[in-house]
Each structure stands twice: as structure tokens, then as C-alpha cells.
Amino acid sequence: MTEHDILRVVVQAADEKKAENIVALNMKGISLVADYFMICHGNSEKQVQAIAREIKEKAEEHHIPVKRLEGFEEAKWILVDLGDVVVHVFHKDDRAYYNLERLWGDAPLEDVASQQPND
């Protein structure tokens, strides 16, 4: 499974749980940590947990190893490490505070709209 396939799986999983403002940053040549960062947010701790849980379950269904899942209990910023793709699921307020999109502003955006199912 390519990193694009993994990205598609996590974007669709986040979308299924109504994650908001789903963004993917192409980190190739910028970060040694991963090829892509996928960033999204939920409006409550329960929704943030539901998004992260769905991403973890869909990854496992597709035999994508989940290397790490951090921050689940606090549900302010949950990190799901899938190797080539690292997912950041924020609570809305914390996303605005950390603003990873600005921090990694030199990373090009990937088109995730084409990877979400049409409503």
C-alpha cells in the first residue's frame, strides 16, 4: 500500500466521523518524520476520540500498522502515527492554538477533496 493509499484511507475515515477542515501536507523533503501530515479537527472531546478511533480501525482493517496513538484520553490533540502518514486530530480550539498549517507553511497542500466520498 502506497502512502497515497494510506492517506486516502485516513481522509475517508475522518470524513465518515464528520471531521472538519481536513488538510494534508506533503512533507516529502521537508520532514524526516513522515511523507504526509493529515490534519483535521472535531468540535468536542467525544468527536475527536471518535475520529481517531475510526482512523485507527480503518487502518487496521487495511493492514496498515498503527505505530503509535498518543493523546487519546485528553482528546485535545491525538496523534496517530501510521509511518509514512502521521495524522493529527485536534479539538477545534487546540488546532487554532497550535496552527500546524502555519508552522509547516512551506509544505505543499495535497488535494484531499478528491479523496473524500461525495455526499
PDB file of N, CA and C in Angstrom:
ATOM      1  N   MET A   1       0.850  -1.180   0.000  1.00  0.00           N
ATOM      2  CA  MET A   1       0.000   0.000   0.000  1.00  0.00           C
ATOM      3  C   MET A   1       0.896   1.244   0.000  1.00  0.00           C
ATOM      4  N   THR A   2       0.645   2.161  -0.921  1.00  0.00           N
ATOM      5  CA  THR A   2       1.456   3.372  -1.015  1.00  0.00           C
ATOM      6  C   THR A   2       1.010   4.398   0.025  1.00  0.00           C
ATOM      7  N   GLU A   3       1.831   5.424   0.197  1.00  0.00           N
ATOM      8  CA  GLU A   3       1.465   6.496   1.133  1.00  0.00           C
ATOM      9  C   GLU A   3       0.202   7.218   0.664  1.00  0.00           C
ATOM     10  N   HIS A   4      -0.037   7.284  -0.659  1.00  0.00           N
ATOM     11  CA  HIS A   4      -1.265   7.888  -1.176  1.00  0.00           C
ATOM     12  C   HIS A   4      -2.488   7.050  -0.784  1.00  0.00           C
ATOM     13  N   ASP A   5      -2.336   5.728  -0.831  1.00  0.00           N
ATOM     14  CA  ASP A   5      -3.429   4.838  -0.420  1.00  0.00           C
ATOM     15  C   ASP A   5      -3.733   5.017   1.066  1.00  0.00           C
ATOM     16  N   ILE A   6      -2.674   5.102   1.871  1.00  0.00           N
ATOM     17  CA  ILE A   6      -2.859   5.309   3.310  1.00  0.00           C
ATOM     18  C   ILE A   6      -3.550   6.639   3.555  1.00  0.00           C
ATOM     19  N   LEU A   7      -3.115   7.675   2.857  1.00  0.00           N
ATOM     20  CA  LEU A   7      -3.726   8.997   3.002  1.00  0.00           C
ATOM     21  C   LEU A   7      -5.210   8.944   2.650  1.00  0.00           C
ATOM     22  N   ARG A   8      -5.552   8.237   1.571  1.00  0.00           N
ATOM     23  CA  ARG A   8      -6.950   8.111   1.169  1.00  0.00           C
ATOM     24  C   ARG A   8      -7.775   7.426   2.264  1.00  0.00           C
ATOM     25  N   VAL A   9      -7.247   6.367   2.847  1.00  0.00           N
ATOM     26  CA  VAL A   9      -7.947   5.639   3.907  1.00  0.00           C
ATOM     27  C   VAL A   9      -8.213   6.551   5.103  1.00  0.00           C
ATOM     28  N   VAL A  10      -7.203   7.314   5.532  1.00  0.00           N
ATOM     29  CA  VAL A  10      -7.395   8.145   6.726  1.00  0.00           C
ATOM     30  C   VAL A  10      -8.295   9.344   6.450  1.00  0.00           C
ATOM     31  N   VAL A  11      -8.208   9.911   5.264  1.00  0.00           N
ATOM     32  CA  VAL A  11      -9.091  11.032   4.918  1.00  0.00           C
ATOM     33  C   VAL A  11     -10.550  10.562   4.910  1.00  0.00           C
ATOM     34  N   GLN A  12     -10.811   9.420   4.314  1.00  0.00           N
ATOM     35  CA  GLN A  12     -12.177   8.895   4.274  1.00  0.00           C
ATOM     36  C   GLN A  12     -12.683   8.531   5.667  1.00  0.00           C
ATOM     37  N   ALA A  13     -11.808   7.964   6.497  1.00  0.00           N
ATOM     38  CA  ALA A  13     -12.203   7.616   7.863  1.00  0.00           C
ATOM     39  C   ALA A  13     -12.560   8.872   8.661  1.00  0.00           C
ATOM     40  N   ALA A  14     -11.742   9.918   8.534  1.00  0.00           N
ATOM     41  CA  ALA A  14     -12.014  11.178   9.232  1.00  0.00           C
ATOM     42  C   ALA A  14     -13.315  11.799   8.733  1.00  0.00           C
ATOM     43  N   ASP A  15     -13.523  11.743   7.426  1.00  0.00           N
ATOM     44  CA  ASP A  15     -14.730  12.307   6.835  1.00  0.00           C
ATOM     45  C   ASP A  15     -15.983  11.571   7.330  1.00  0.00           C
ATOM     46  N   GLU A  16     -15.872  10.263   7.509  1.00  0.00           N
ATOM     47  CA  GLU A  16     -17.018   9.476   7.992  1.00  0.00           C
ATOM     48  C   GLU A  16     -17.476   9.918   9.374  1.00  0.00           C
ATOM     49  N   LYS A  17     -16.557  10.449  10.181  1.00  0.00           N
ATOM     50  CA  LYS A  17     -16.894  10.913  11.526  1.00  0.00           C
ATOM     51  C   LYS A  17     -17.050  12.438  11.573  1.00  0.00           C
ATOM     52  N   LYS A  18     -17.270  13.017  10.401  1.00  0.00           N
ATOM     53  CA  LYS A  18     -17.558  14.451  10.272  1.00  0.00           C
ATOM     54  C   LYS A  18     -16.426  15.352  10.775  1.00  0.00           C
ATOM     55  N   ALA A  19     -15.181  14.913  10.556  1.00  0.00           N
ATOM     56  CA  ALA A  19     -14.041  15.774  10.876  1.00  0.00           C
ATOM     57  C   ALA A  19     -14.134  17.036  10.031  1.00  0.00           C
ATOM     58  N   GLU A  20     -13.684  18.131  10.575  1.00  0.00           N
ATOM     59  CA  GLU A  20     -13.755  19.403   9.866  1.00  0.00           C
ATOM     60  C   GLU A  20     -12.381  19.848   9.377  1.00  0.00           C
ATOM     61  N   ASN A  21     -12.405  20.604   8.276  1.00  0.00           N
ATOM     62  CA  ASN A  21     -11.216  21.214   7.691  1.00  0.00           C
ATOM     63  C   ASN A  21     -10.072  20.211   7.555  1.00  0.00           C
ATOM     64  N   ILE A  22     -10.331  19.142   6.810  1.00  0.00           N
ATOM     65  CA  ILE A  22      -9.323  18.108   6.583  1.00  0.00           C
ATOM     66  C   ILE A  22      -8.288  18.630   5.597  1.00  0.00           C
ATOM     67  N   VAL A  23      -7.022  18.610   6.036  1.00  0.00           N
ATOM     68  CA  VAL A  23      -5.917  19.129   5.243  1.00  0.00           C
ATOM     69  C   VAL A  23      -4.803  18.091   5.241  1.00  0.00           C
ATOM     70  N   ALA A  24      -4.157  17.906   4.116  1.00  0.00           N
ATOM     71  CA  ALA A  24      -2.982  17.040   4.043  1.00  0.00           C
ATOM     72  C   ALA A  24      -1.803  17.857   3.539  1.00  0.00           C
ATOM     73  N   LEU A  25      -0.701  17.784   4.264  1.00  0.00           N
ATOM     74  CA  LEU A  25       0.521  18.478   3.882  1.00  0.00           C
ATOM     75  C   LEU A  25       1.522  17.464   3.342  1.00  0.00           C
ATOM     76  N   ASN A  26       2.093  17.764   2.193  1.00  0.00           N
ATOM     77  CA  ASN A  26       3.114  16.912   1.605  1.00  0.00           C
ATOM     78  C   ASN A  26       4.444  17.276   2.266  1.00  0.00           C
ATOM     79  N   MET A  27       4.943  16.374   3.105  1.00  0.00           N
ATOM     80  CA  MET A  27       6.132  16.649   3.904  1.00  0.00           C
ATOM     81  C   MET A  27       7.411  16.092   3.286  1.00  0.00           C
ATOM     82  N   LYS A  28       7.302  15.544   2.066  1.00  0.00           N
ATOM     83  CA  LYS A  28       8.483  14.974   1.405  1.00  0.00           C
ATOM     84  C   LYS A  28       9.547  16.057   1.218  1.00  0.00           C
ATOM     85  N   GLY A  29      10.751  15.768   1.662  1.00  0.00           N
ATOM     86  CA  GLY A  29      11.843  16.725   1.536  1.00  0.00           C
ATOM     87  C   GLY A  29      11.815  17.824   2.580  1.00  0.00           C
ATOM     88  N   ILE A  30      10.806  17.830   3.450  1.00  0.00           N
ATOM     89  CA  ILE A  30      10.672  18.859   4.480  1.00  0.00           C
ATOM     90  C   ILE A  30      10.886  18.257   5.867  1.00  0.00           C
ATOM     91  N   SER A  31      10.316  17.079   6.074  1.00  0.00           N
ATOM     92  CA  SER A  31      10.406  16.405   7.365  1.00  0.00           C
ATOM     93  C   SER A  31      10.869  14.972   7.155  1.00  0.00           C
ATOM     94  N   LEU A  32      11.703  14.505   8.057  1.00  0.00           N
ATOM     95  CA  LEU A  32      12.141  13.115   8.012  1.00  0.00           C
ATOM     96  C   LEU A  32      11.150  12.203   8.724  1.00  0.00           C
ATOM     97  N   VAL A  33      10.180  12.785   9.410  1.00  0.00           N
ATOM     98  CA  VAL A  33       9.229  12.026  10.215  1.00  0.00           C
ATOM     99  C   VAL A  33       8.238  11.260   9.344  1.00  0.00           C
ATOM    100  N   ALA A  34       7.693  11.895   8.323  1.00  0.00           N
ATOM    101  CA  ALA A  34       6.653  11.270   7.503  1.00  0.00           C
ATOM    102  C   ALA A  34       6.592  11.946   6.140  1.00  0.00           C
ATOM    103  N   ASP A  35       5.951  11.261   5.190  1.00  0.00           N
ATOM    104  CA  ASP A  35       5.730  11.845   3.866  1.00  0.00           C
ATOM    105  C   ASP A  35       4.540  12.794   3.858  1.00  0.00           C
ATOM    106  N   TYR A  36       3.535  12.486   4.702  1.00  0.00           N
ATOM    107  CA  TYR A  36       2.325  13.324   4.766  1.00  0.00           C
ATOM    108  C   TYR A  36       1.893  13.531   6.202  1.00  0.00           C
ATOM    109  N   PHE A  37       1.418  14.743   6.480  1.00  0.00           N
ATOM    110  CA  PHE A  37       0.694  15.031   7.704  1.00  0.00           C
ATOM    111  C   PHE A  37      -0.747  15.259   7.300  1.00  0.00           C
ATOM    112  N   MET A  38      -1.660  14.566   7.933  1.00  0.00           N
ATOM    113  CA  MET A  38      -3.083  14.843   7.730  1.00  0.00           C
ATOM    114  C   MET A  38      -3.560  15.516   9.008  1.00  0.00           C
ATOM    115  N   ILE A  39      -4.219  16.652   8.855  1.00  0.00           N
ATOM    116  CA  ILE A  39      -4.679  17.451   9.989  1.00  0.00           C
ATOM    117  C   ILE A  39      -6.177  17.671   9.853  1.00  0.00           C
ATOM    118  N   CYS A  40      -6.884  17.500  10.966  1.00  0.00           N
ATOM    119  CA  CYS A  40      -8.325  17.773  10.982  1.00  0.00           C
ATOM    120  C   CYS A  40      -8.721  18.109  12.415  1.00  0.00           C
ATOM    121  N   HIS A  41      -9.988  18.460  12.594  1.00  0.00           N
ATOM    122  CA  HIS A  41     -10.439  18.710  13.964  1.00  0.00           C
ATOM    123  C   HIS A  41     -11.888  18.302  14.164  1.00  0.00           C
ATOM    124  N   GLY A  42     -12.209  18.124  15.439  1.00  0.00           N
ATOM    125  CA  GLY A  42     -13.579  17.880  15.870  1.00  0.00           C
ATOM    126  C   GLY A  42     -13.977  18.971  16.846  1.00  0.00           C
ATOM    127  N   ASN A  43     -15.276  19.056  17.125  1.00  0.00           N
ATOM    128  CA  ASN A  43     -15.780  20.146  17.959  1.00  0.00           C
ATOM    129  C   ASN A  43     -15.975  19.783  19.421  1.00  0.00           C
ATOM    130  N   SER A  44     -15.719  18.527  19.783  1.00  0.00           N
ATOM    131  CA  SER A  44     -15.821  18.101  21.176  1.00  0.00           C
ATOM    132  C   SER A  44     -14.812  16.991  21.411  1.00  0.00           C
ATOM    133  N   GLU A  45     -14.523  16.718  22.682  1.00  0.00           N
ATOM    134  CA  GLU A  45     -13.592  15.643  23.002  1.00  0.00           C
ATOM    135  C   GLU A  45     -14.121  14.309  22.469  1.00  0.00           C
ATOM    136  N   LYS A  46     -15.414  14.070  22.602  1.00  0.00           N
ATOM    137  CA  LYS A  46     -16.011  12.815  22.115  1.00  0.00           C
ATOM    138  C   LYS A  46     -15.836  12.667  20.608  1.00  0.00           C
ATOM    139  N   GLN A  47     -16.042  13.757  19.869  1.00  0.00           N
ATOM    140  CA  GLN A  47     -15.880  13.682  18.415  1.00  0.00           C
ATOM    141  C   GLN A  47     -14.414  13.467  18.041  1.00  0.00           C
ATOM    142  N   VAL A  48     -13.511  14.132  18.724  1.00  0.00           N
ATOM    143  CA  VAL A  48     -12.082  13.959  18.455  1.00  0.00           C
ATOM    144  C   VAL A  48     -11.692  12.494  18.661  1.00  0.00           C
ATOM    145  N   GLN A  49     -12.174  11.904  19.748  1.00  0.00           N
ATOM    146  CA  GLN A  49     -11.893  10.485  20.017  1.00  0.00           C
ATOM    147  C   GLN A  49     -12.524   9.587  18.955  1.00  0.00           C
ATOM    148  N   ALA A  50     -13.744   9.905  18.542  1.00  0.00           N
ATOM    149  CA  ALA A  50     -14.429   9.095  17.523  1.00  0.00           C
ATOM    150  C   ALA A  50     -13.665   9.135  16.193  1.00  0.00           C
ATOM    151  N   ILE A  51     -13.155  10.308  15.825  1.00  0.00           N
ATOM    152  CA  ILE A  51     -12.383  10.443  14.581  1.00  0.00           C
ATOM    153  C   ILE A  51     -11.115   9.591  14.671  1.00  0.00           C
ATOM    154  N   ALA A  52     -10.379   9.725  15.761  1.00  0.00           N
ATOM    155  CA  ALA A  52      -9.130   8.973  15.920  1.00  0.00           C
ATOM    156  C   ALA A  52      -9.397   7.471  15.964  1.00  0.00           C
ATOM    157  N   ARG A  53     -10.452   7.063  16.653  1.00  0.00           N
ATOM    158  CA  ARG A  53     -10.805   5.647  16.733  1.00  0.00           C
ATOM    159  C   ARG A  53     -11.128   5.082  15.350  1.00  0.00           C
ATOM    160  N   GLU A  54     -11.881   5.847  14.549  1.00  0.00           N
ATOM    161  CA  GLU A  54     -12.242   5.413  13.199  1.00  0.00           C
ATOM    162  C   GLU A  54     -10.998   5.291  12.312  1.00  0.00           C
ATOM    163  N   ILE A  55     -10.097   6.231  12.427  1.00  0.00           N
ATOM    164  CA  ILE A  55      -8.855   6.180  11.650  1.00  0.00           C
ATOM    165  C   ILE A  55      -8.056   4.945  12.036  1.00  0.00           C
ATOM    166  N   LYS A  56      -7.934   4.680  13.330  1.00  0.00           N
ATOM    167  CA  LYS A  56      -7.199   3.502  13.805  1.00  0.00           C
ATOM    168  C   LYS A  56      -7.852   2.214  13.302  1.00  0.00           C
ATOM    169  N   GLU A  57      -9.177   2.130  13.417  1.00  0.00           N
ATOM    170  CA  GLU A  57      -9.886   0.916  12.989  1.00  0.00           C
ATOM    171  C   GLU A  57      -9.769   0.694  11.486  1.00  0.00           C
ATOM    172  N   LYS A  58      -9.936   1.755  10.692  1.00  0.00           N
ATOM    173  CA  LYS A  58      -9.825   1.621   9.233  1.00  0.00           C
ATOM    174  C   LYS A  58      -8.400   1.251   8.825  1.00  0.00           C
ATOM    175  N   ALA A  59      -7.417   1.826   9.509  1.00  0.00           N
ATOM    176  CA  ALA A  59      -6.023   1.475   9.222  1.00  0.00           C
ATOM    177  C   ALA A  59      -5.804  -0.017   9.479  1.00  0.00           C
ATOM    178  N   GLU A  60      -6.277  -0.496  10.609  1.00  0.00           N
ATOM    179  CA  GLU A  60      -6.107  -1.914  10.938  1.00  0.00           C
ATOM    180  C   GLU A  60      -6.840  -2.811   9.944  1.00  0.00           C
ATOM    181  N   GLU A  61      -8.036  -2.399   9.509  1.00  0.00           N
ATOM    182  CA  GLU A  61      -8.784  -3.171   8.509  1.00  0.00           C
ATOM    183  C   GLU A  61      -8.001  -3.298   7.199  1.00  0.00           C
ATOM    184  N   HIS A  62      -7.216  -2.263   6.871  1.00  0.00           N
ATOM    185  CA  HIS A  62      -6.432  -2.250   5.631  1.00  0.00           C
ATOM    186  C   HIS A  62      -4.997  -2.742   5.859  1.00  0.00           C
ATOM    187  N   HIS A  63      -4.758  -3.327   7.020  1.00  0.00           N
ATOM    188  CA  HIS A  63      -3.442  -3.880   7.370  1.00  0.00           C
ATOM    189  C   HIS A  63      -2.346  -2.819   7.356  1.00  0.00           C
ATOM    190  N   ILE A  64      -2.716  -1.618   7.770  1.00  0.00           N
ATOM    191  CA  ILE A  64      -1.749  -0.530   7.911  1.00  0.00           C
ATOM    192  C   ILE A  64      -1.343  -0.512   9.389  1.00  0.00           C
ATOM    193  N   PRO A  65      -0.070  -0.741   9.683  1.00  0.00           N
ATOM    194  CA  PRO A  65       0.331  -0.770  11.092  1.00  0.00           C
ATOM    195  C   PRO A  65       0.201   0.596  11.760  1.00  0.00           C
ATOM    196  N   VAL A  66      -0.431   0.605  12.934  1.00  0.00           N
ATOM    197  CA  VAL A  66      -0.524   1.818  13.745  1.00  0.00           C
ATOM    198  C   VAL A  66       0.671   1.784  14.692  1.00  0.00           C
ATOM    199  N   LYS A  67       1.655   2.630  14.416  1.00  0.00           N
ATOM    200  CA  LYS A  67       2.891   2.611  15.195  1.00  0.00           C
ATOM    201  C   LYS A  67       2.717   3.250  16.569  1.00  0.00           C
ATOM    202  N   ARG A  68       1.869   4.276  16.626  1.00  0.00           N
ATOM    203  CA  ARG A  68       1.653   4.994  17.881  1.00  0.00           C
ATOM    204  C   ARG A  68       0.324   5.707  17.834  1.00  0.00           C
ATOM    205  N   LEU A  69      -0.322   5.788  18.979  1.00  0.00           N
ATOM    206  CA  LEU A  69      -1.518   6.608  19.137  1.00  0.00           C
ATOM    207  C   LEU A  69      -1.346   7.323  20.474  1.00  0.00           C
ATOM    208  N   GLU A  70      -1.252   8.638  20.419  1.00  0.00           N
ATOM    209  CA  GLU A  70      -0.994   9.427  21.632  1.00  0.00           C
ATOM    210  C   GLU A  70      -2.054  10.491  21.824  1.00  0.00           C
ATOM    211  N   GLY A  71      -2.370  10.773  23.082  1.00  0.00           N
ATOM    212  CA  GLY A  71      -3.279  11.856  23.422  1.00  0.00           C
ATOM    213  C   GLY A  71      -4.745  11.487  23.416  1.00  0.00           C
ATOM    214  N   PHE A  72      -5.055  10.197  23.337  1.00  0.00           N
ATOM    215  CA  PHE A  72      -6.458   9.774  23.192  1.00  0.00           C
ATOM    216  C   PHE A  72      -7.297  10.164  24.406  1.00  0.00           C
ATOM    217  N   GLU A  73      -6.789   9.948  25.594  1.00  0.00           N
ATOM    218  CA  GLU A  73      -7.572  10.219  26.811  1.00  0.00           C
ATOM    219  C   GLU A  73      -7.909  11.705  26.940  1.00  0.00           C
ATOM    220  N   GLU A  74      -6.928  12.571  26.674  1.00  0.00           N
ATOM    221  CA  GLU A  74      -7.155  14.015  26.809  1.00  0.00           C
ATOM    222  C   GLU A  74      -8.021  14.553  25.680  1.00  0.00           C
ATOM    223  N   ALA A  75      -7.886  13.974  24.499  1.00  0.00           N
ATOM    224  CA  ALA A  75      -8.687  14.323  23.318  1.00  0.00           C
ATOM    225  C   ALA A  75      -8.595  15.800  22.939  1.00  0.00           C
ATOM    226  N   LYS A  76      -7.431  16.375  23.131  1.00  0.00           N
ATOM    227  CA  LYS A  76      -7.189  17.753  22.692  1.00  0.00           C
ATOM    228  C   LYS A  76      -6.371  17.748  21.397  1.00  0.00           C
ATOM    229  N   TRP A  77      -5.414  16.805  21.334  1.00  0.00           N
ATOM    230  CA  TRP A  77      -4.580  16.626  20.151  1.00  0.00           C
ATOM    231  C   TRP A  77      -4.190  15.159  20.142  1.00  0.00           C
ATOM    232  N   ILE A  78      -4.810  14.393  19.265  1.00  0.00           N
ATOM    233  CA  ILE A  78      -4.496  12.977  19.149  1.00  0.00           C
ATOM    234  C   ILE A  78      -3.612  12.780  17.930  1.00  0.00           C
ATOM    235  N   LEU A  79      -2.490  12.102  18.149  1.00  0.00           N
ATOM    236  CA  LEU A  79      -1.561  11.815  17.072  1.00  0.00           C
ATOM    237  C   LEU A  79      -1.664  10.325  16.748  1.00  0.00           C
ATOM    238  N   VAL A  80      -1.881  10.017  15.480  1.00  0.00           N
ATOM    239  CA  VAL A  80      -1.931   8.641  15.012  1.00  0.00           C
ATOM    240  C   VAL A  80      -0.786   8.470  14.012  1.00  0.00           C
ATOM    241  N   ASP A  81       0.223   7.700  14.411  1.00  0.00           N
ATOM    242  CA  ASP A  81       1.410   7.504  13.583  1.00  0.00           C
ATOM    243  C   ASP A  81       1.236   6.240  12.750  1.00  0.00           C
ATOM    244  N   LEU A  82       1.125   6.425  11.434  1.00  0.00           N
ATOM    245  CA  LEU A  82       0.983   5.309  10.505  1.00  0.00           C
ATOM    246  C   LEU A  82       2.231   5.164   9.640  1.00  0.00           C
ATOM    247  N   GLY A  83       3.337   5.655  10.127  1.00  0.00           N
ATOM    248  CA  GLY A  83       4.590   5.560   9.372  1.00  0.00           C
ATOM    249  C   GLY A  83       4.729   6.685   8.372  1.00  0.00           C
ATOM    250  N   ASP A  84       4.407   6.412   7.111  1.00  0.00           N
ATOM    251  CA  ASP A  84       4.530   7.421   6.056  1.00  0.00           C
ATOM    252  C   ASP A  84       3.505   8.546   6.199  1.00  0.00           C
ATOM    253  N   VAL A  85       2.442   8.283   6.937  1.00  0.00           N
ATOM    254  CA  VAL A  85       1.396   9.285   7.171  1.00  0.00           C
ATOM    255  C   VAL A  85       1.215   9.439   8.680  1.00  0.00           C
ATOM    256  N   VAL A  86       1.315  10.682   9.146  1.00  0.00           N
ATOM    257  CA  VAL A  86       1.052  10.984  10.553  1.00  0.00           C
ATOM    258  C   VAL A  86      -0.201  11.842  10.597  1.00  0.00           C
ATOM    259  N   VAL A  87      -1.168  11.397  11.395  1.00  0.00           N
ATOM    260  CA  VAL A  87      -2.462  12.074  11.490  1.00  0.00           C
ATOM    261  C   VAL A  87      -2.529  12.866  12.785  1.00  0.00           C
ATOM    262  N   HIS A  88      -2.971  14.115  12.672  1.00  0.00           N
ATOM    263  CA  HIS A  88      -3.159  14.992  13.822  1.00  0.00           C
ATOM    264  C   HIS A  88      -4.652  15.311  13.902  1.00  0.00           C
ATOM    265  N   VAL A  89      -5.311  14.810  14.947  1.00  0.00           N
ATOM    266  CA  VAL A  89      -6.734  15.082  15.156  1.00  0.00           C
ATOM    267  C   VAL A  89      -6.826  16.016  16.354  1.00  0.00           C
ATOM    268  N   PHE A  90      -7.236  17.239  16.089  1.00  0.00           N
ATOM    269  CA  PHE A  90      -7.291  18.270  17.122  1.00  0.00           C
ATOM    270  C   PHE A  90      -8.721  18.517  17.605  1.00  0.00           C
ATOM    271  N   HIS A  91      -8.815  19.023  18.822  1.00  0.00           N
ATOM    272  CA  HIS A  91     -10.030  19.707  19.262  1.00  0.00           C
ATOM    273  C   HIS A  91      -9.948  21.080  18.592  1.00  0.00           C
ATOM    274  N   LYS A  92     -11.083  21.617  18.184  1.00  0.00           N
ATOM    275  CA  LYS A  92     -11.113  22.865  17.405  1.00  0.00           C
ATOM    276  C   LYS A  92     -10.258  23.974  18.023  1.00  0.00           C
ATOM    277  N   ASP A  93     -10.384  24.193  19.326  1.00  0.00           N
ATOM    278  CA  ASP A  93      -9.642  25.276  19.987  1.00  0.00           C
ATOM    279  C   ASP A  93      -8.135  25.038  19.959  1.00  0.00           C
ATOM    280  N   ASP A  94      -7.732  23.792  20.141  1.00  0.00           N
ATOM    281  CA  ASP A  94      -6.308  23.475  20.150  1.00  0.00           C
ATOM    282  C   ASP A  94      -5.703  23.552  18.754  1.00  0.00           C
ATOM    283  N   ARG A  95      -6.490  23.239  17.747  1.00  0.00           N
ATOM    284  CA  ARG A  95      -5.975  23.358  16.379  1.00  0.00           C
ATOM    285  C   ARG A  95      -5.618  24.808  16.069  1.00  0.00           C
ATOM    286  N   ALA A  96      -6.484  25.714  16.451  1.00  0.00           N
ATOM    287  CA  ALA A  96      -6.215  27.130  16.213  1.00  0.00           C
ATOM    288  C   ALA A  96      -4.963  27.581  16.977  1.00  0.00           C
ATOM    289  N   TYR A  97      -4.790  27.066  18.182  1.00  0.00           N
ATOM    290  CA  TYR A  97      -3.639  27.452  19.003  1.00  0.00           C
ATOM    291  C   TYR A  97      -2.323  26.960  18.394  1.00  0.00           C
ATOM    292  N   TYR A  98      -2.263  25.679  18.033  1.00  0.00           N
ATOM    293  CA  TYR A  98      -1.012  25.105  17.518  1.00  0.00           C
ATOM    294  C   TYR A  98      -0.744  25.448  16.060  1.00  0.00           C
ATOM    295  N   ASN A  99      -1.792  25.594  15.271  1.00  0.00           N
ATOM    296  CA  ASN A  99      -1.698  26.048  13.879  1.00  0.00           C
ATOM    297  C   ASN A  99      -0.550  25.383  13.106  1.00  0.00           C
ATOM    298  N   LEU A 100      -0.601  24.063  13.004  1.00  0.00           N
ATOM    299  CA  LEU A 100       0.445  23.323  12.297  1.00  0.00           C
ATOM    300  C   LEU A 100       0.566  23.725  10.839  1.00  0.00           C
ATOM    301  N   GLU A 101      -0.550  24.127  10.242  1.00  0.00           N
ATOM    302  CA  GLU A 101      -0.505  24.543   8.842  1.00  0.00           C
ATOM    303  C   GLU A 101       0.438  25.733   8.657  1.00  0.00           C
ATOM    304  N   ARG A 102       0.440  26.648   9.619  1.00  0.00           N
ATOM    305  CA  ARG A 102       1.342  27.793   9.531  1.00  0.00           C
ATOM    306  C   ARG A 102       2.776  27.379   9.863  1.00  0.00           C
ATOM    307  N   LEU A 103       2.913  26.522  10.889  1.00  0.00           N
ATOM    308  CA  LEU A 103       4.234  26.049  11.298  1.00  0.00           C
ATOM    309  C   LEU A 103       4.946  25.352  10.142  1.00  0.00           C
ATOM    310  N   TRP A 104       4.197  24.551   9.388  1.00  0.00           N
ATOM    311  CA  TRP A 104       4.744  23.837   8.237  1.00  0.00           C
ATOM    312  C   TRP A 104       4.285  24.511   6.939  1.00  0.00           C
ATOM    313  N   GLY A 105       4.271  25.819   6.932  1.00  0.00           N
ATOM    314  CA  GLY A 105       3.757  26.593   5.802  1.00  0.00           C
ATOM    315  C   GLY A 105       4.473  26.372   4.481  1.00  0.00           C
ATOM    316  N   ASP A 106       5.708  25.861   4.531  1.00  0.00           N
ATOM    317  CA  ASP A 106       6.436  25.606   3.289  1.00  0.00           C
ATOM    318  C   ASP A 106       6.062  24.263   2.669  1.00  0.00           C
ATOM    319  N   ALA A 107       5.206  23.483   3.361  1.00  0.00           N
ATOM    320  CA  ALA A 107       4.775  22.187   2.823  1.00  0.00           C
ATOM    321  C   ALA A 107       3.592  22.385   1.883  1.00  0.00           C
ATOM    322  N   PRO A 108       3.668  21.829   0.667  1.00  0.00           N
ATOM    323  CA  PRO A 108       2.537  21.958  -0.258  1.00  0.00           C
ATOM    324  C   PRO A 108       1.322  21.172   0.226  1.00  0.00           C
ATOM    325  N   LEU A 109       0.147  21.703  -0.057  1.00  0.00           N
ATOM    326  CA  LEU A 109      -1.107  21.028   0.279  1.00  0.00           C
ATOM    327  C   LEU A 109      -1.419  19.957  -0.749  1.00  0.00           C
ATOM    328  N   GLU A 110      -1.919  18.834  -0.285  1.00  0.00           N
ATOM    329  CA  GLU A 110      -2.408  17.779  -1.172  1.00  0.00           C
ATOM    330  C   GLU A 110      -3.904  17.994  -1.370  1.00  0.00           C
ATOM    331  N   ASP A 111      -4.416  17.573  -2.497  1.00  0.00           N
ATOM    332  CA  ASP A 111      -5.845  17.681  -2.775  1.00  0.00           C
ATOM    333  C   ASP A 111      -6.565  16.521  -2.099  1.00  0.00           C
ATOM    334  N   VAL A 112      -7.167  16.785  -0.929  1.00  0.00           N
ATOM    335  CA  VAL A 112      -7.889  15.720  -0.230  1.00  0.00           C
ATOM    336  C   VAL A 112      -9.354  15.684  -0.612  1.00  0.00           C
ATOM    337  N   ALA A 113      -9.841  16.739  -1.235  1.00  0.00           N
ATOM    338  CA  ALA A 113     -11.251  16.759  -1.623  1.00  0.00           C
ATOM    339  C   ALA A 113     -11.560  15.613  -2.584  1.00  0.00           C
ATOM    340  N   SER A 114     -10.612  15.285  -3.445  1.00  0.00           N
ATOM    341  CA  SER A 114     -10.834  14.201  -4.403  1.00  0.00           C
ATOM    342  C   SER A 114     -10.795  12.834  -3.726  1.00  0.00           C
ATOM    343  N   GLN A 115     -10.327  12.803  -2.487  1.00  0.00           N
ATOM    344  CA  GLN A 115     -10.219  11.533  -1.764  1.00  0.00           C
ATOM    345  C   GLN A 115     -11.387  11.309  -0.814  1.00  0.00           C
ATOM    346  N   GLN A 116     -12.243  12.321  -0.676  1.00  0.00           N
ATOM    347  CA  GLN A 116     -13.419  12.180   0.165  1.00  0.00           C
ATOM    348  C   GLN A 116     -14.599  11.734  -0.691  1.00  0.00           C
ATOM    349  N   PRO A 117     -15.411  10.860  -0.142  1.00  0.00           N
ATOM    350  CA  PRO A 117     -16.592  10.456  -0.904  1.00  0.00           C
ATOM    351  C   PRO A 117     -17.555  11.625  -1.075  1.00  0.00           C
ATOM    352  N   ASN A 118     -18.259  11.667  -2.184  1.00  0.00           N
ATOM    353  CA  ASN A 118     -19.230  12.738  -2.391  1.00  0.00           C
ATOM    354  C   ASN A 118     -20.447  12.509  -1.525  1.00  0.00           C
ATOM    355  N   ASP A 119     -20.942  13.578  -0.905  1.00  0.00           N
ATOM    356  CA  ASP A 119     -22.126  13.474  -0.032  1.00  0.00           C
ATOM    357  C   ASP A 119     -23.395  13.464  -0.848  1.00  0.00           C
TER     358      ASP A 119
END
